[in-house]
Amino acid sequence: MTANMTYPDMDRLIDIKELSETISLAEQTIYNRFNKGGDLPPAIKLGRSLRWRESDVAAWIASKQPAIEPKPLHTAPPKRRRGRPSKLSQVPYQQHKDSELL
């Protein structure tokens, strides 16, 4: 068997350095999460090293993407606050009033 032989049905394994670059976490954070059973893609232990399947990492990243909710076409106008208006809400009115005087 030659060293250059590739297996098309096998997934590529990535090491901790490549995983840390892919998911933007420090290597030590990944080790800590792995030891405590934290939120990480499933790992394969080869001797003393950890490896991750590329497909598992991609699926884990996809599961972390927030679901995009469509925005409603028409939104209700904001409710007016009761009571005396704040200074911040009076500024546009005051500027408009001053421009009429000029």
C-alpha atoms as a PDB file:
ATOM      1  CA  MET A   1       0.000   0.000   0.000  1.00  0.00           C
ATOM      2  CA  THR A   2       1.338   3.444  -0.853  1.00  0.00           C
ATOM      3  CA  ALA A   3       1.294   6.510   1.359  1.00  0.00           C
ATOM      4  CA  ASN A   4      -0.390   8.583  -1.377  1.00  0.00           C
ATOM      5  CA  MET A   5      -3.505   6.426  -1.486  1.00  0.00           C
ATOM      6  CA  THR A   6      -6.676   8.381  -0.734  1.00  0.00           C
ATOM      7  CA  TYR A   7     -10.007   7.067   0.422  1.00  0.00           C
ATOM      8  CA  PRO A   8     -12.902   9.051  -1.056  1.00  0.00           C
ATOM      9  CA  ASP A   9     -15.492   7.798   1.448  1.00  0.00           C
ATOM     10  CA  MET A  10     -13.369   8.700   4.510  1.00  0.00           C
ATOM     11  CA  ASP A  11     -13.629  12.098   6.149  1.00  0.00           C
ATOM     12  CA  ARG A  12     -10.526  14.176   6.822  1.00  0.00           C
ATOM     13  CA  LEU A  13      -9.467  14.470  10.471  1.00  0.00           C
ATOM     14  CA  ILE A  14      -8.356  17.848  11.788  1.00  0.00           C
ATOM     15  CA  ASP A  15      -6.178  18.523  14.816  1.00  0.00           C
ATOM     16  CA  ILE A  16      -6.754  20.944  17.669  1.00  0.00           C
ATOM     17  CA  LYS A  17      -4.818  23.755  16.012  1.00  0.00           C
ATOM     18  CA  GLU A  18      -6.972  23.663  12.893  1.00  0.00           C
ATOM     19  CA  LEU A  19     -10.142  23.300  14.988  1.00  0.00           C
ATOM     20  CA  SER A  20      -9.214  26.333  17.081  1.00  0.00           C
ATOM     21  CA  GLU A  21      -8.743  28.408  13.918  1.00  0.00           C
ATOM     22  CA  THR A  22     -12.014  27.131  12.457  1.00  0.00           C
ATOM     23  CA  ILE A  23     -14.247  27.817  15.469  1.00  0.00           C
ATOM     24  CA  SER A  24     -12.257  30.793  16.830  1.00  0.00           C
ATOM     25  CA  LEU A  25     -11.565  29.332  20.258  1.00  0.00           C
ATOM     26  CA  ALA A  26      -8.217  29.017  22.012  1.00  0.00           C
ATOM     27  CA  GLU A  27      -6.672  25.555  22.108  1.00  0.00           C
ATOM     28  CA  GLN A  28      -6.733  25.548  25.916  1.00  0.00           C
ATOM     29  CA  THR A  29     -10.462  26.387  25.889  1.00  0.00           C
ATOM     30  CA  ILE A  30     -11.092  23.431  23.593  1.00  0.00           C
ATOM     31  CA  TYR A  31      -9.146  21.107  25.920  1.00  0.00           C
ATOM     32  CA  ASN A  32     -11.054  22.455  28.933  1.00  0.00           C
ATOM     33  CA  ARG A  33     -14.427  21.980  27.242  1.00  0.00           C
ATOM     34  CA  PHE A  34     -13.467  18.476  26.100  1.00  0.00           C
ATOM     35  CA  ASN A  35     -12.446  17.446  29.634  1.00  0.00           C
ATOM     36  CA  LYS A  36     -15.598  18.891  31.218  1.00  0.00           C
ATOM     37  CA  GLY A  37     -17.947  17.524  28.566  1.00  0.00           C
ATOM     38  CA  GLY A  38     -18.671  20.990  27.212  1.00  0.00           C
ATOM     39  CA  ASP A  39     -20.220  22.061  23.946  1.00  0.00           C
ATOM     40  CA  LEU A  40     -17.914  20.774  21.192  1.00  0.00           C
ATOM     41  CA  PRO A  41     -18.176  18.559  18.127  1.00  0.00           C
ATOM     42  CA  PRO A  42     -17.575  14.859  18.877  1.00  0.00           C
ATOM     43  CA  ALA A  43     -13.858  14.078  19.095  1.00  0.00           C
ATOM     44  CA  ILE A  44     -11.789  10.993  18.289  1.00  0.00           C
ATOM     45  CA  LYS A  45      -8.947  10.171  20.628  1.00  0.00           C
ATOM     46  CA  LEU A  46      -5.863   8.797  18.884  1.00  0.00           C
ATOM     47  CA  GLY A  47      -3.350   7.897  21.568  1.00  0.00           C
ATOM     48  CA  ARG A  48      -2.792  11.133  23.459  1.00  0.00           C
ATOM     49  CA  SER A  49      -4.090  13.410  20.721  1.00  0.00           C
ATOM     50  CA  LEU A  50      -7.561  14.560  19.797  1.00  0.00           C
ATOM     51  CA  ARG A  51      -8.907  14.708  16.255  1.00  0.00           C
ATOM     52  CA  TRP A  52     -12.220  15.850  14.817  1.00  0.00           C
ATOM     53  CA  ARG A  53     -13.970  14.842  11.598  1.00  0.00           C
ATOM     54  CA  GLU A  54     -14.441  17.771   9.219  1.00  0.00           C
ATOM     55  CA  SER A  55     -18.056  16.785   8.601  1.00  0.00           C
ATOM     56  CA  ASP A  56     -18.784  16.707  12.365  1.00  0.00           C
ATOM     57  CA  VAL A  57     -17.260  20.170  12.788  1.00  0.00           C
ATOM     58  CA  ALA A  58     -19.252  21.556   9.839  1.00  0.00           C
ATOM     59  CA  ALA A  59     -22.483  20.068  11.207  1.00  0.00           C
ATOM     60  CA  TRP A  60     -21.757  21.443  14.681  1.00  0.00           C
ATOM     61  CA  ILE A  61     -21.102  24.934  13.278  1.00  0.00           C
ATOM     62  CA  ALA A  62     -24.308  24.757  11.215  1.00  0.00           C
ATOM     63  CA  SER A  63     -26.288  23.820  14.330  1.00  0.00           C
ATOM     64  CA  LYS A  64     -24.914  26.908  16.106  1.00  0.00           C
ATOM     65  CA  GLN A  65     -26.118  29.338  13.421  1.00  0.00           C
ATOM     66  CA  PRO A  66     -29.104  31.328  14.674  1.00  0.00           C
ATOM     67  CA  ALA A  67     -32.347  30.811  12.839  1.00  0.00           C
ATOM     68  CA  ILE A  68     -33.229  33.848  10.774  1.00  0.00           C
ATOM     69  CA  GLU A  69     -36.739  35.007  11.472  1.00  0.00           C
ATOM     70  CA  PRO A  70     -38.478  37.036   8.791  1.00  0.00           C
ATOM     71  CA  LYS A  71     -39.365  40.563   9.810  1.00  0.00           C
ATOM     72  CA  PRO A  72     -43.003  41.560   9.580  1.00  0.00           C
ATOM     73  CA  LEU A  73     -43.839  43.892   6.704  1.00  0.00           C
ATOM     74  CA  HIS A  74     -45.822  46.331   8.796  1.00  0.00           C
ATOM     75  CA  THR A  75     -44.863  47.189  12.310  1.00  0.00           C
ATOM     76  CA  ALA A  76     -47.022  49.079  14.741  1.00  0.00           C
ATOM     77  CA  PRO A  77     -45.817  52.571  15.602  1.00  0.00           C
ATOM     78  CA  PRO A  78     -44.143  52.826  18.982  1.00  0.00           C
ATOM     79  CA  LYS A  79     -46.484  53.628  21.815  1.00  0.00           C
ATOM     80  CA  ARG A  80     -46.302  57.115  23.230  1.00  0.00           C
ATOM     81  CA  ARG A  81     -45.121  57.341  26.754  1.00  0.00           C
ATOM     82  CA  ARG A  82     -47.441  58.840  29.279  1.00  0.00           C
ATOM     83  CA  GLY A  83     -46.501  61.889  31.280  1.00  0.00           C
ATOM     84  CA  ARG A  84     -44.082  64.684  30.635  1.00  0.00           C
ATOM     85  CA  PRO A  85     -41.742  64.192  27.656  1.00  0.00           C
ATOM     86  CA  SER A  86     -38.064  63.743  28.389  1.00  0.00           C
ATOM     87  CA  LYS A  87     -35.491  66.349  27.407  1.00  0.00           C
ATOM     88  CA  LEU A  88     -34.243  64.059  24.656  1.00  0.00           C
ATOM     89  CA  SER A  89     -37.660  63.842  23.019  1.00  0.00           C
ATOM     90  CA  GLN A  90     -38.092  67.638  23.248  1.00  0.00           C
ATOM     91  CA  VAL A  91     -34.890  68.413  21.315  1.00  0.00           C
ATOM     92  CA  PRO A  92     -36.310  67.794  17.781  1.00  0.00           C
ATOM     93  CA  TYR A  93     -39.395  69.867  18.592  1.00  0.00           C
ATOM     94  CA  GLN A  94     -37.251  72.699  19.965  1.00  0.00           C
ATOM     95  CA  GLN A  95     -34.995  72.688  16.876  1.00  0.00           C
ATOM     96  CA  HIS A  96     -38.019  72.855  14.593  1.00  0.00           C
ATOM     97  CA  LYS A  97     -39.463  75.744  16.608  1.00  0.00           C
ATOM     98  CA  ASP A  98     -36.138  77.654  16.506  1.00  0.00           C
ATOM     99  CA  SER A  99     -35.859  77.262  12.707  1.00  0.00           C
ATOM    100  CA  GLU A 100     -39.264  78.909  12.253  1.00  0.00           C
ATOM    101  CA  LEU A 101     -38.072  81.982  14.157  1.00  0.00           C
ATOM    102  CA  LEU A 102     -35.175  82.577  11.723  1.00  0.00           C
END
